[in-house]
Amino acid sequence: MDTENGNPENRNGTTQRAVDPTTGEVIPNVNTYQQKKNLAQGMMDLALVSANANQLRYVIESFTRHPYYYFSLCFISVSLIIQIAVGIGLIMNSRYDVNDRREICKANKINDLVTMGIFLITLINVLISAFGVAPPQVQ
């Protein structure tokens, strides 16, 4: 058994599947769950980045007729910067082995920061949506 990382290994180096002794059910690997969760969050972040980039293009193109130009430009830029930081946090978080007691604290801290970043992104994007579309002006 590889006790340093908390992963059970056979003599030939392959990992064994953990089994619950009371029920006989296979216990899922937490690292696999974390990697899938990070992948899903990353895909959602990527979709939001593309939506914000499209909004940024629209705001820049409508400089003369957009009543909230500077507000939208500022908040879309801040949202994109936080999204990049969250993406970096997701990459960093996926590199930790959550079965290792030394690494789980670091992974938890990064996960908390990523969660706060996602909350801020959501809040900022609600504000962007509220002030984003300029009504057509009749001349």
N, C-alpha and C. Protein backbone atom coordinates (compact mmCIF):
# COMPACT_ATOMS: atom_id res chain seq x y z
N MET A 1 0.85 -1.19 0.00
CA MET A 1 0.00 0.00 0.00
C MET A 1 0.88 1.23 0.00
N ASP A 2 0.55 2.18 -0.85
CA ASP A 2 1.27 3.44 -0.92
C ASP A 2 0.68 4.36 0.14
N THR A 3 1.22 4.31 1.35
CA THR A 3 0.66 5.08 2.46
C THR A 3 1.02 6.54 2.37
N GLU A 4 2.06 6.88 1.62
CA GLU A 4 2.45 8.28 1.51
C GLU A 4 1.37 9.11 0.83
N ASN A 5 0.77 8.58 -0.21
CA ASN A 5 -0.30 9.29 -0.91
C ASN A 5 -1.69 8.80 -0.54
N GLY A 6 -1.78 7.75 0.25
CA GLY A 6 -3.07 7.23 0.65
C GLY A 6 -3.72 6.37 -0.40
N ASN A 7 -2.98 5.98 -1.44
CA ASN A 7 -3.53 5.17 -2.50
C ASN A 7 -3.10 3.73 -2.33
N PRO A 8 -4.05 2.80 -2.27
CA PRO A 8 -3.65 1.39 -2.17
C PRO A 8 -3.11 0.91 -3.52
N GLU A 9 -1.96 0.21 -3.48
CA GLU A 9 -1.36 -0.31 -4.69
C GLU A 9 -1.03 -1.77 -4.53
N ASN A 10 -1.14 -2.50 -5.64
CA ASN A 10 -0.69 -3.88 -5.68
C ASN A 10 0.83 -3.89 -5.75
N ARG A 11 1.42 -5.08 -5.66
CA ARG A 11 2.87 -5.19 -5.78
C ARG A 11 3.35 -4.79 -7.17
N ASN A 12 2.53 -4.97 -8.19
CA ASN A 12 2.94 -4.61 -9.54
C ASN A 12 2.72 -3.13 -9.85
N GLY A 13 2.24 -2.34 -8.89
CA GLY A 13 2.10 -0.90 -9.06
C GLY A 13 0.74 -0.43 -9.51
N THR A 14 -0.20 -1.33 -9.78
CA THR A 14 -1.54 -0.90 -10.18
C THR A 14 -2.37 -0.60 -8.94
N THR A 15 -3.27 0.36 -9.06
CA THR A 15 -4.08 0.73 -7.91
C THR A 15 -5.27 -0.22 -7.76
N GLN A 16 -5.59 -0.51 -6.52
CA GLN A 16 -6.75 -1.34 -6.21
C GLN A 16 -7.96 -0.45 -6.03
N ARG A 17 -9.13 -1.05 -6.16
CA ARG A 17 -10.35 -0.32 -5.89
C ARG A 17 -10.70 -0.52 -4.43
N ALA A 18 -11.03 0.57 -3.75
CA ALA A 18 -11.40 0.49 -2.34
C ALA A 18 -12.81 -0.08 -2.22
N VAL A 19 -12.99 -0.99 -1.26
CA VAL A 19 -14.27 -1.66 -1.06
C VAL A 19 -14.71 -1.42 0.38
N ASP A 20 -15.99 -1.05 0.54
CA ASP A 20 -16.57 -0.88 1.87
C ASP A 20 -16.70 -2.25 2.51
N PRO A 21 -16.06 -2.48 3.67
CA PRO A 21 -16.09 -3.81 4.27
C PRO A 21 -17.47 -4.24 4.76
N THR A 22 -18.35 -3.29 5.10
CA THR A 22 -19.67 -3.66 5.61
C THR A 22 -20.65 -4.02 4.51
N THR A 23 -20.61 -3.26 3.39
CA THR A 23 -21.57 -3.50 2.32
C THR A 23 -20.98 -4.23 1.12
N GLY A 24 -19.67 -4.19 0.98
CA GLY A 24 -19.02 -4.82 -0.16
C GLY A 24 -19.07 -3.97 -1.42
N GLU A 25 -19.58 -2.74 -1.31
CA GLU A 25 -19.66 -1.85 -2.47
C GLU A 25 -18.32 -1.17 -2.71
N VAL A 26 -18.06 -0.88 -3.98
CA VAL A 26 -16.84 -0.18 -4.35
C VAL A 26 -16.99 1.29 -3.98
N ILE A 27 -16.00 1.83 -3.28
CA ILE A 27 -16.00 3.23 -2.88
C ILE A 27 -15.40 4.04 -4.03
N PRO A 28 -16.12 5.02 -4.55
CA PRO A 28 -15.59 5.79 -5.68
C PRO A 28 -14.36 6.60 -5.28
N ASN A 29 -13.48 6.81 -6.25
CA ASN A 29 -12.28 7.61 -6.03
C ASN A 29 -12.66 9.08 -6.03
N VAL A 30 -12.32 9.79 -4.97
CA VAL A 30 -12.68 11.19 -4.81
C VAL A 30 -11.95 12.05 -5.84
N ASN A 31 -10.74 11.68 -6.21
CA ASN A 31 -9.99 12.45 -7.19
C ASN A 31 -10.69 12.46 -8.54
N THR A 32 -11.27 11.34 -8.92
CA THR A 32 -11.99 11.26 -10.18
C THR A 32 -13.19 12.20 -10.16
N TYR A 33 -13.91 12.21 -9.04
CA TYR A 33 -15.05 13.12 -8.89
C TYR A 33 -14.60 14.57 -9.00
N GLN A 34 -13.51 14.91 -8.32
CA GLN A 34 -13.02 16.29 -8.33
C GLN A 34 -12.59 16.70 -9.74
N GLN A 35 -11.95 15.81 -10.47
CA GLN A 35 -11.52 16.15 -11.83
C GLN A 35 -12.72 16.36 -12.75
N LYS A 36 -13.76 15.53 -12.60
CA LYS A 36 -14.96 15.71 -13.42
C LYS A 36 -15.67 17.01 -13.06
N LYS A 37 -15.72 17.34 -11.78
CA LYS A 37 -16.35 18.58 -11.34
C LYS A 37 -15.59 19.78 -11.89
N ASN A 38 -14.27 19.73 -11.84
CA ASN A 38 -13.46 20.83 -12.37
C ASN A 38 -13.64 20.97 -13.88
N LEU A 39 -13.76 19.85 -14.58
CA LEU A 39 -13.98 19.90 -16.02
C LEU A 39 -15.32 20.55 -16.34
N ALA A 40 -16.36 20.19 -15.59
CA ALA A 40 -17.69 20.78 -15.82
C ALA A 40 -17.67 22.27 -15.52
N GLN A 41 -17.03 22.68 -14.42
CA GLN A 41 -16.95 24.10 -14.10
C GLN A 41 -16.14 24.84 -15.16
N GLY A 42 -15.09 24.21 -15.65
CA GLY A 42 -14.28 24.83 -16.69
C GLY A 42 -15.05 25.04 -17.97
N MET A 43 -15.89 24.08 -18.33
CA MET A 43 -16.70 24.22 -19.55
C MET A 43 -17.73 25.33 -19.38
N MET A 44 -18.32 25.44 -18.21
CA MET A 44 -19.27 26.53 -17.96
C MET A 44 -18.54 27.87 -18.00
N ASP A 45 -17.34 27.92 -17.45
CA ASP A 45 -16.55 29.15 -17.46
C ASP A 45 -16.19 29.53 -18.89
N LEU A 46 -15.85 28.55 -19.71
CA LEU A 46 -15.51 28.80 -21.11
C LEU A 46 -16.71 29.37 -21.88
N ALA A 47 -17.89 28.84 -21.62
CA ALA A 47 -19.10 29.34 -22.27
C ALA A 47 -19.36 30.79 -21.85
N LEU A 48 -19.15 31.09 -20.58
CA LEU A 48 -19.38 32.45 -20.10
C LEU A 48 -18.33 33.41 -20.64
N VAL A 49 -17.09 32.95 -20.79
CA VAL A 49 -16.03 33.79 -21.37
C VAL A 49 -16.42 34.18 -22.80
N SER A 50 -16.90 33.21 -23.57
CA SER A 50 -17.28 33.53 -24.95
C SER A 50 -18.48 34.48 -24.98
N ALA A 51 -19.43 34.31 -24.07
CA ALA A 51 -20.57 35.23 -24.02
C ALA A 51 -20.12 36.64 -23.63
N ASN A 52 -19.21 36.73 -22.67
CA ASN A 52 -18.71 38.05 -22.26
C ASN A 52 -17.88 38.70 -23.35
N ALA A 53 -17.12 37.90 -24.09
CA ALA A 53 -16.34 38.46 -25.20
C ALA A 53 -17.28 39.01 -26.26
N ASN A 54 -18.37 38.33 -26.51
CA ASN A 54 -19.36 38.81 -27.47
C ASN A 54 -20.00 40.10 -26.97
N GLN A 55 -20.33 40.16 -25.69
CA GLN A 55 -20.89 41.38 -25.11
C GLN A 55 -19.90 42.53 -25.20
N LEU A 56 -18.62 42.23 -24.94
CA LEU A 56 -17.59 43.26 -25.01
C LEU A 56 -17.47 43.81 -26.43
N ARG A 57 -17.53 42.94 -27.42
CA ARG A 57 -17.48 43.36 -28.81
C ARG A 57 -18.66 44.29 -29.13
N TYR A 58 -19.84 43.89 -28.67
CA TYR A 58 -21.04 44.70 -28.91
C TYR A 58 -20.91 46.09 -28.26
N VAL A 59 -20.44 46.12 -27.03
CA VAL A 59 -20.32 47.39 -26.32
C VAL A 59 -19.31 48.29 -27.01
N ILE A 60 -18.19 47.73 -27.44
CA ILE A 60 -17.17 48.54 -28.11
C ILE A 60 -17.69 49.07 -29.45
N GLU A 61 -18.44 48.23 -30.18
CA GLU A 61 -19.00 48.66 -31.46
C GLU A 61 -20.07 49.74 -31.29
N SER A 62 -20.78 49.74 -30.18
CA SER A 62 -21.87 50.69 -29.98
C SER A 62 -21.47 51.82 -29.05
N PHE A 63 -20.23 52.28 -29.17
CA PHE A 63 -19.70 53.32 -28.30
C PHE A 63 -20.56 54.58 -28.29
N THR A 64 -20.98 55.03 -29.45
CA THR A 64 -21.69 56.31 -29.52
C THR A 64 -23.13 56.23 -29.03
N ARG A 65 -23.76 55.07 -29.12
CA ARG A 65 -25.17 55.00 -28.76
C ARG A 65 -25.47 54.18 -27.50
N HIS A 66 -24.45 53.68 -26.84
CA HIS A 66 -24.66 52.86 -25.64
C HIS A 66 -24.66 53.76 -24.41
N PRO A 67 -25.80 53.87 -23.70
CA PRO A 67 -25.87 54.81 -22.57
C PRO A 67 -25.01 54.39 -21.37
N TYR A 68 -24.72 53.11 -21.25
CA TYR A 68 -23.93 52.63 -20.11
C TYR A 68 -22.59 52.08 -20.60
N TYR A 69 -21.97 52.78 -21.53
CA TYR A 69 -20.76 52.29 -22.18
C TYR A 69 -19.66 51.98 -21.17
N TYR A 70 -19.28 52.96 -20.35
CA TYR A 70 -18.16 52.78 -19.43
C TYR A 70 -18.49 51.76 -18.33
N PHE A 71 -19.72 51.80 -17.86
CA PHE A 71 -20.17 50.82 -16.86
C PHE A 71 -20.05 49.40 -17.41
N SER A 72 -20.59 49.19 -18.61
CA SER A 72 -20.55 47.86 -19.22
C SER A 72 -19.12 47.44 -19.53
N LEU A 73 -18.34 48.35 -20.07
CA LEU A 73 -16.95 48.04 -20.41
C LEU A 73 -16.17 47.62 -19.17
N CYS A 74 -16.35 48.35 -18.08
CA CYS A 74 -15.65 48.05 -16.83
C CYS A 74 -16.08 46.70 -16.27
N PHE A 75 -17.38 46.47 -16.17
CA PHE A 75 -17.85 45.24 -15.54
C PHE A 75 -17.59 44.00 -16.40
N ILE A 76 -17.66 44.13 -17.72
CA ILE A 76 -17.34 42.99 -18.58
C ILE A 76 -15.86 42.66 -18.45
N SER A 77 -15.01 43.68 -18.40
CA SER A 77 -13.58 43.45 -18.24
C SER A 77 -13.26 42.79 -16.90
N VAL A 78 -13.88 43.27 -15.84
CA VAL A 78 -13.67 42.67 -14.51
C VAL A 78 -14.15 41.22 -14.50
N SER A 79 -15.28 40.97 -15.13
CA SER A 79 -15.81 39.60 -15.19
C SER A 79 -14.83 38.68 -15.93
N LEU A 80 -14.29 39.15 -17.04
CA LEU A 80 -13.33 38.34 -17.80
C LEU A 80 -12.07 38.06 -16.99
N ILE A 81 -11.58 39.06 -16.27
CA ILE A 81 -10.37 38.87 -15.45
C ILE A 81 -10.63 37.84 -14.35
N ILE A 82 -11.77 37.95 -13.68
CA ILE A 82 -12.09 36.98 -12.62
C ILE A 82 -12.28 35.59 -13.21
N GLN A 83 -12.87 35.50 -14.40
CA GLN A 83 -13.05 34.20 -15.05
C GLN A 83 -11.71 33.55 -15.37
N ILE A 84 -10.74 34.34 -15.78
CA ILE A 84 -9.41 33.80 -16.04
C ILE A 84 -8.79 33.31 -14.73
N ALA A 85 -8.96 34.07 -13.66
CA ALA A 85 -8.43 33.65 -12.35
C ALA A 85 -9.10 32.37 -11.87
N VAL A 86 -10.42 32.25 -12.07
CA VAL A 86 -11.14 31.03 -11.69
C VAL A 86 -10.65 29.84 -12.51
N GLY A 87 -10.42 30.07 -13.80
CA GLY A 87 -9.88 28.99 -14.64
C GLY A 87 -8.53 28.52 -14.17
N ILE A 88 -7.66 29.44 -13.79
CA ILE A 88 -6.34 29.07 -13.24
C ILE A 88 -6.52 28.32 -11.93
N GLY A 89 -7.45 28.78 -11.10
CA GLY A 89 -7.73 28.09 -9.83
C GLY A 89 -8.22 26.66 -10.05
N LEU A 90 -9.07 26.46 -11.07
CA LEU A 90 -9.56 25.12 -11.38
C LEU A 90 -8.43 24.21 -11.83
N ILE A 91 -7.53 24.75 -12.64
CA ILE A 91 -6.37 23.96 -13.08
C ILE A 91 -5.50 23.60 -11.88
N MET A 92 -5.24 24.56 -11.01
CA MET A 92 -4.42 24.29 -9.82
C MET A 92 -5.09 23.28 -8.91
N ASN A 93 -6.41 23.41 -8.73
CA ASN A 93 -7.14 22.53 -7.83
C ASN A 93 -7.15 21.09 -8.33
N SER A 94 -7.18 20.92 -9.64
CA SER A 94 -7.22 19.56 -10.17
C SER A 94 -5.88 18.83 -10.03
N ARG A 95 -4.83 19.54 -9.71
CA ARG A 95 -3.52 18.93 -9.57
C ARG A 95 -3.28 18.32 -8.19
N TYR A 96 -4.15 18.62 -7.23
CA TYR A 96 -3.98 18.11 -5.88
C TYR A 96 -4.66 16.76 -5.73
N ASP A 97 -4.04 15.89 -4.95
CA ASP A 97 -4.61 14.59 -4.60
C ASP A 97 -5.38 14.77 -3.30
N VAL A 98 -6.70 14.73 -3.38
CA VAL A 98 -7.50 14.99 -2.19
C VAL A 98 -7.49 13.82 -1.21
N ASN A 99 -6.90 12.72 -1.59
CA ASN A 99 -6.73 11.62 -0.64
C ASN A 99 -5.52 11.83 0.26
N ASP A 100 -4.63 12.72 -0.14
CA ASP A 100 -3.44 13.03 0.66
C ASP A 100 -3.80 14.12 1.66
N ARG A 101 -3.59 13.84 2.93
CA ARG A 101 -3.99 14.78 3.98
C ARG A 101 -3.23 16.10 3.90
N ARG A 102 -2.02 16.07 3.38
CA ARG A 102 -1.24 17.31 3.27
C ARG A 102 -1.77 18.20 2.16
N GLU A 103 -2.33 17.60 1.13
CA GLU A 103 -2.78 18.38 -0.02
C GLU A 103 -4.25 18.79 0.06
N ILE A 104 -5.02 18.13 0.90
CA ILE A 104 -6.46 18.42 0.95
C ILE A 104 -6.73 19.82 1.48
N CYS A 105 -5.90 20.32 2.40
CA CYS A 105 -6.10 21.68 2.92
C CYS A 105 -5.86 22.72 1.82
N LYS A 106 -4.82 22.51 1.02
CA LYS A 106 -4.56 23.44 -0.09
C LYS A 106 -5.69 23.38 -1.11
N ALA A 107 -6.16 22.17 -1.41
CA ALA A 107 -7.25 22.01 -2.37
C ALA A 107 -8.52 22.67 -1.86
N ASN A 108 -8.80 22.56 -0.57
CA ASN A 108 -9.98 23.20 0.02
C ASN A 108 -9.90 24.72 -0.06
N LYS A 109 -8.72 25.29 0.20
CA LYS A 109 -8.56 26.74 0.12
C LYS A 109 -8.78 27.24 -1.30
N ILE A 110 -8.18 26.54 -2.26
CA ILE A 110 -8.36 26.94 -3.65
C ILE A 110 -9.82 26.78 -4.06
N ASN A 111 -10.45 25.69 -3.61
CA ASN A 111 -11.86 25.47 -3.94
C ASN A 111 -12.73 26.58 -3.36
N ASP A 112 -12.43 27.04 -2.15
CA ASP A 112 -13.18 28.15 -1.56
C ASP A 112 -12.99 29.44 -2.37
N LEU A 113 -11.75 29.70 -2.80
CA LEU A 113 -11.50 30.89 -3.61
C LEU A 113 -12.21 30.81 -4.95
N VAL A 114 -12.22 29.62 -5.56
CA VAL A 114 -12.93 29.43 -6.83
C VAL A 114 -14.43 29.67 -6.64
N THR A 115 -14.98 29.17 -5.54
CA THR A 115 -16.40 29.36 -5.26
C THR A 115 -16.73 30.85 -5.09
N MET A 116 -15.88 31.58 -4.36
CA MET A 116 -16.09 33.02 -4.21
C MET A 116 -15.97 33.73 -5.56
N GLY A 117 -15.02 33.31 -6.38
CA GLY A 117 -14.87 33.89 -7.72
C GLY A 117 -16.10 33.66 -8.57
N ILE A 118 -16.66 32.46 -8.52
CA ILE A 118 -17.86 32.15 -9.29
C ILE A 118 -19.04 32.99 -8.80
N PHE A 119 -19.13 33.19 -7.49
CA PHE A 119 -20.19 34.06 -6.96
C PHE A 119 -20.04 35.48 -7.48
N LEU A 120 -18.80 36.02 -7.47
CA LEU A 120 -18.57 37.37 -7.97
C LEU A 120 -18.89 37.47 -9.47
N ILE A 121 -18.49 36.45 -10.23
CA ILE A 121 -18.78 36.44 -11.67
C ILE A 121 -20.28 36.47 -11.90
N THR A 122 -21.01 35.68 -11.13
CA THR A 122 -22.47 35.64 -11.27
C THR A 122 -23.07 37.00 -10.95
N LEU A 123 -22.64 37.60 -9.87
CA LEU A 123 -23.15 38.92 -9.47
C LEU A 123 -22.85 39.97 -10.53
N ILE A 124 -21.62 40.00 -11.01
CA ILE A 124 -21.23 40.98 -12.02
C ILE A 124 -22.02 40.77 -13.31
N ASN A 125 -22.22 39.52 -13.70
CA ASN A 125 -22.94 39.26 -14.94
C ASN A 125 -24.43 39.58 -14.83
N VAL A 126 -24.99 39.51 -13.64
CA VAL A 126 -26.37 39.98 -13.46
C VAL A 126 -26.43 41.49 -13.69
N LEU A 127 -25.44 42.21 -13.17
CA LEU A 127 -25.39 43.66 -13.40
C LEU A 127 -25.16 43.98 -14.88
N ILE A 128 -24.30 43.20 -15.53
CA ILE A 128 -24.07 43.42 -16.96
C ILE A 128 -25.36 43.21 -17.75
N SER A 129 -26.10 42.18 -17.39
CA SER A 129 -27.36 41.90 -18.09
C SER A 129 -28.38 43.01 -17.86
N ALA A 130 -28.38 43.56 -16.66
CA ALA A 130 -29.35 44.62 -16.35
C ALA A 130 -29.07 45.89 -17.14
N PHE A 131 -27.79 46.18 -17.41
CA PHE A 131 -27.43 47.43 -18.09
C PHE A 131 -26.83 47.19 -19.47
N GLY A 132 -26.92 45.96 -19.97
CA GLY A 132 -26.17 45.60 -21.17
C GLY A 132 -26.74 46.04 -22.48
N VAL A 133 -28.00 45.92 -22.71
CA VAL A 133 -28.56 46.19 -24.03
C VAL A 133 -29.06 47.62 -24.08
N ALA A 134 -28.52 48.34 -25.04
CA ALA A 134 -28.95 49.74 -25.21
C ALA A 134 -30.20 49.78 -26.07
N PRO A 135 -31.20 50.53 -25.65
CA PRO A 135 -32.39 50.65 -26.49
C PRO A 135 -32.07 51.43 -27.75
N PRO A 136 -32.69 51.07 -28.85
CA PRO A 136 -32.43 51.83 -30.09
C PRO A 136 -32.92 53.25 -29.97
N GLN A 137 -32.07 54.19 -30.39
CA GLN A 137 -32.43 55.59 -30.29
C GLN A 137 -32.99 56.06 -31.63
N VAL A 138 -34.11 56.72 -31.57
CA VAL A 138 -34.74 57.25 -32.77
C VAL A 138 -34.20 58.65 -33.02
N GLN A 139 -33.77 58.88 -34.26
CA GLN A 139 -33.21 60.20 -34.57
C GLN A 139 -34.15 61.02 -35.38
